[in-house]
Protein backbone atom coordinates (compact mmCIF):
# COMPACT_ATOMS: atom_id res chain seq x y z
CA UNK A 1 2.68 -20.06 8.41
CA UNK A 2 3.88 -16.47 8.17
CA UNK A 3 4.04 -16.59 11.96
CA UNK A 4 7.04 -18.89 11.64
CA UNK A 5 8.95 -16.07 9.94
CA UNK A 6 10.27 -12.96 11.70
CA UNK A 7 8.22 -10.55 13.81
CA UNK A 8 8.68 -7.83 11.19
CA UNK A 9 7.32 -10.09 8.44
CA UNK A 10 4.22 -11.13 10.36
CA UNK A 11 3.59 -7.52 11.37
CA UNK A 12 3.87 -6.34 7.76
CA UNK A 13 1.45 -9.02 6.53
CA UNK A 14 -0.97 -8.32 9.37
CA UNK A 15 -1.06 -4.59 8.68
CA UNK A 16 -1.49 -5.02 4.93
CA UNK A 17 -4.03 -7.84 5.17
CA UNK A 18 -6.06 -7.28 8.33
CA UNK A 19 -6.13 -3.50 8.19
CA UNK A 20 -5.83 -2.23 4.61
CA UNK A 21 -7.19 -5.07 2.49
CA UNK A 22 -9.97 -5.71 5.00
CA UNK A 23 -11.38 -2.24 4.26
CA UNK A 24 -11.35 -3.08 0.54
CA UNK A 25 -13.18 -6.36 1.27
CA UNK A 26 -15.87 -4.55 3.25
CA UNK A 27 -16.35 -2.04 0.41
CA UNK A 28 -16.76 -4.90 -2.07
CA UNK A 29 -19.30 -6.61 0.15
CA UNK A 30 -21.27 -3.37 0.47
CA UNK A 31 -21.16 -2.67 -3.26
CA UNK A 32 -22.39 -6.15 -4.15
CA UNK A 33 -24.99 -6.20 -1.37
CA UNK A 34 -26.46 -2.87 -2.47
CA UNK A 35 -27.35 -4.17 -5.92
CA UNK A 36 -28.10 -7.61 -4.47
CA UNK A 37 -31.22 -6.27 -2.78
CA UNK A 38 -32.95 -6.34 -6.16
CA UNK A 39 -31.75 -9.76 -7.37
CA UNK A 40 -34.21 -11.88 -5.31
CA UNK A 41 -37.06 -9.60 -6.39
CA UNK A 42 -36.16 -10.08 -10.06
CA UNK A 43 -35.70 -13.81 -9.51
CA UNK A 44 -39.11 -14.08 -7.86
CA UNK A 45 -40.76 -12.47 -10.88
CA UNK A 46 -38.66 -14.51 -13.39
CA UNK A 47 -37.12 -11.30 -14.68
CA UNK A 48 -33.76 -12.55 -15.96
CA UNK A 49 -33.03 -9.26 -17.67
CA UNK A 50 -33.36 -7.53 -14.31
CA UNK A 51 -30.93 -10.01 -12.75
CA UNK A 52 -28.56 -9.33 -15.67
CA UNK A 53 -28.65 -5.62 -14.83
CA UNK A 54 -27.83 -6.30 -11.18
CA UNK A 55 -24.94 -8.60 -12.17
CA UNK A 56 -23.60 -6.01 -14.59
CA UNK A 57 -23.85 -3.33 -11.92
CA UNK A 58 -22.09 -5.56 -9.39
CA UNK A 59 -19.28 -6.34 -11.81
CA UNK A 60 -18.88 -2.66 -12.69
CA UNK A 61 -18.95 -1.39 -9.09
CA UNK A 62 -16.65 -4.17 -7.85
CA UNK A 63 -14.22 -3.58 -10.71
CA UNK A 64 -14.26 0.15 -10.04
CA UNK A 65 -13.57 -0.48 -6.35
CA UNK A 66 -10.67 -2.78 -7.26
CA UNK A 67 -9.15 -0.15 -9.57
CA UNK A 68 -9.54 2.62 -6.99
CA UNK A 69 -8.10 0.42 -4.23
CA UNK A 70 -5.14 -0.55 -6.42
CA UNK A 71 -4.48 3.12 -7.14
CA UNK A 72 -4.69 4.09 -3.47
CA UNK A 73 -2.45 1.22 -2.40
CA UNK A 74 0.10 1.97 -5.13
CA UNK A 75 0.24 5.69 -4.44
CA UNK A 76 -0.03 5.75 -0.66
CA UNK A 77 1.17 2.35 0.55
CA UNK A 78 3.93 3.69 2.78
CA UNK A 79 1.81 6.32 4.58
CA UNK A 80 -1.08 3.86 5.02
CA UNK A 81 1.16 1.15 6.43
CA UNK A 82 3.03 3.76 8.45
CA UNK A 83 -0.21 4.78 10.19
CA UNK A 84 -0.16 1.40 11.92
CA UNK A 85 3.50 1.61 12.89
CA UNK A 86 3.17 4.60 15.20
CA UNK A 87 3.22 4.39 18.97
CA UNK A 88 5.57 3.33 21.73
CA UNK A 89 6.94 0.27 19.93
CA UNK A 90 10.49 -0.35 18.80
CA UNK A 91 11.31 2.10 15.96
CA UNK A 92 13.76 -0.38 14.41
CA UNK A 93 11.00 -2.99 14.19
CA UNK A 94 8.79 -0.40 12.47
CA UNK A 95 11.55 0.31 9.94
CA UNK A 96 11.86 -3.43 9.26
CA UNK A 97 8.09 -3.96 9.03
CA UNK A 98 7.33 -1.33 6.38
CA UNK A 99 9.14 -3.08 3.47
CA UNK A 100 7.45 -6.41 4.26
CA UNK A 101 4.02 -4.77 4.41
CA UNK A 102 4.66 -3.00 1.11
CA UNK A 103 5.96 -6.19 -0.53
CA UNK A 104 2.89 -8.17 0.57
CA UNK A 105 0.47 -5.41 -0.43
CA UNK A 106 1.98 -4.93 -3.89
CA UNK A 107 1.79 -8.65 -4.64
CA UNK A 108 -1.81 -8.74 -3.42
CA UNK A 109 -2.76 -6.06 -5.96
CA UNK A 110 -2.79 -8.82 -8.61
CA UNK A 111 -5.61 -10.51 -6.70
CA UNK A 112 -7.92 -7.51 -6.25
CA UNK A 113 -9.72 -7.82 -9.59
CA UNK A 114 -10.42 -11.57 -9.48
CA UNK A 115 -11.60 -11.22 -5.88
CA UNK A 116 -13.90 -8.36 -6.92
CA UNK A 117 -15.45 -10.28 -9.82
CA UNK A 118 -15.80 -13.40 -7.67
CA UNK A 119 -17.75 -11.32 -5.17
CA UNK A 120 -20.14 -10.16 -7.89
CA UNK A 121 -20.77 -13.71 -9.12
CA UNK A 122 -20.88 -15.36 -5.69
CA UNK A 123 -23.38 -12.91 -4.25
CA UNK A 124 -25.63 -13.35 -7.29
CA UNK A 125 -25.48 -17.14 -7.06
CA UNK A 126 -26.38 -17.01 -3.37
CA UNK A 127 -29.29 -14.65 -4.09
CA UNK A 128 -30.50 -16.98 -6.87
CA UNK A 129 -30.62 -20.03 -4.61
CA UNK A 130 -27.18 -21.57 -5.29
CA UNK A 131 -25.21 -20.91 -2.08
CA UNK A 132 -23.31 -24.20 -2.25
CA UNK A 133 -21.22 -23.24 -5.27
CA UNK A 134 -19.61 -20.14 -3.70
CA UNK A 135 -19.08 -22.11 -0.48
CA UNK A 136 -17.31 -24.96 -2.30
CA UNK A 137 -15.29 -22.47 -4.34
CA UNK A 138 -14.22 -20.79 -1.10
CA UNK A 139 -13.20 -24.15 0.35
CA UNK A 140 -11.21 -24.99 -2.78
CA UNK A 141 -9.51 -21.59 -2.68
CA UNK A 142 -8.67 -22.05 1.00
CA UNK A 143 -7.19 -25.49 0.29
CA UNK A 144 -5.14 -24.13 -2.61
CA UNK A 145 -3.98 -21.23 -0.44
CA UNK A 146 -2.95 -23.58 2.35
CA UNK A 147 -0.90 -25.85 0.10
CA UNK A 148 0.65 -22.99 -1.86
CA UNK A 149 1.50 -21.11 1.34
CA UNK A 150 3.49 -24.11 2.53
CA UNK A 151 5.23 -24.51 -0.80
CA UNK A 152 5.96 -20.85 -1.54
CA UNK A 153 6.70 -19.43 1.92
CA UNK A 154 9.20 -22.12 2.85
CA UNK A 155 10.38 -23.18 -0.61
CA UNK A 156 9.30 -26.82 -0.70
CA UNK A 157 9.35 -29.22 -3.68
CA UNK A 158 12.13 -27.28 -5.38
CA UNK A 159 10.28 -23.95 -5.35
CA UNK A 160 12.12 -20.88 -4.06
CA UNK A 161 11.51 -19.79 -0.45
CA UNK A 162 9.66 -16.51 -1.02
CA UNK A 163 8.57 -15.66 2.52
CA UNK A 164 6.05 -12.82 2.57
CA UNK A 165 5.90 -12.63 -1.24
CA UNK A 166 5.12 -16.36 -1.31
CA UNK A 167 2.23 -15.89 1.11
CA UNK A 168 0.79 -13.13 -1.09
CA UNK A 169 1.33 -15.10 -4.31
CA UNK A 170 -0.44 -18.13 -2.79
CA UNK A 171 -3.42 -15.95 -1.91
CA UNK A 172 -3.51 -14.37 -5.37
CA UNK A 173 -3.47 -17.79 -7.06
CA UNK A 174 -6.24 -19.00 -4.75
CA UNK A 175 -8.34 -15.97 -5.77
CA UNK A 176 -8.07 -17.02 -9.43
CA UNK A 177 -9.02 -20.58 -8.47
CA UNK A 178 -12.12 -19.29 -6.70
CA UNK A 179 -13.08 -17.08 -9.65
CA UNK A 180 -12.63 -19.96 -12.11
CA UNK A 181 -14.94 -22.19 -10.08
CA UNK A 182 -17.67 -19.63 -9.41
CA UNK A 183 -17.78 -17.96 -12.82
CA UNK A 184 -17.09 -21.24 -14.63
CA UNK A 185 -19.98 -23.00 -12.92
CA UNK A 186 -22.33 -20.08 -13.57
CA UNK A 187 -21.52 -20.01 -17.30
CA UNK A 188 -21.45 -23.79 -17.73
CA UNK A 189 -24.95 -24.09 -16.24
CA UNK A 190 -27.04 -21.57 -18.18
CA UNK A 191 -30.28 -23.43 -17.46
CA UNK A 192 -29.78 -22.96 -13.73
CA UNK A 193 -28.42 -19.45 -14.28
CA UNK A 194 -30.36 -17.95 -17.19
CA UNK A 195 -29.02 -14.50 -16.32
CA UNK A 196 -25.62 -15.44 -17.81
CA UNK A 197 -27.10 -15.77 -21.28
CA UNK A 198 -26.46 -12.56 -23.17
């Protein structure tokens, strides 16, 4: 949907999302996977306290990564985006792209923490034999993102046309939807997820 906007807008979103935020996503995956090695072992021995420790570690490491990423993106957004604007391209397009990339990135900062905590919960649920819940939460988040993108980018149903900011806001809201489903299900089903008790 952002592709229907200007070239500068799609370039800004692409740089912020596919280059900068992708690195953050990979770091989260690695942080959660590192502790996740132990979760199936604890589950196999019915050691719920051990699973609790891995979940706590995942939440702490993912939260720390979100805080560090937010700090890096806040302090060095222009140089980081600017790294991807070098080359033989049109310098005027680069000047137009930077503000859109910054605008998208700054709005996305509000979604870093829920995405980080969702990662911690979702990886634990998958390791404990409940892969369907994170998958359904991801589908719900994608659906919410799709609908909200349409409404917020183009200003439908009386909402303001926000363009790039609307795309970022839609993604941030979808991250909270995903977190609510994953963490909500885990805590509402303590018999299936005894590690959430305590």
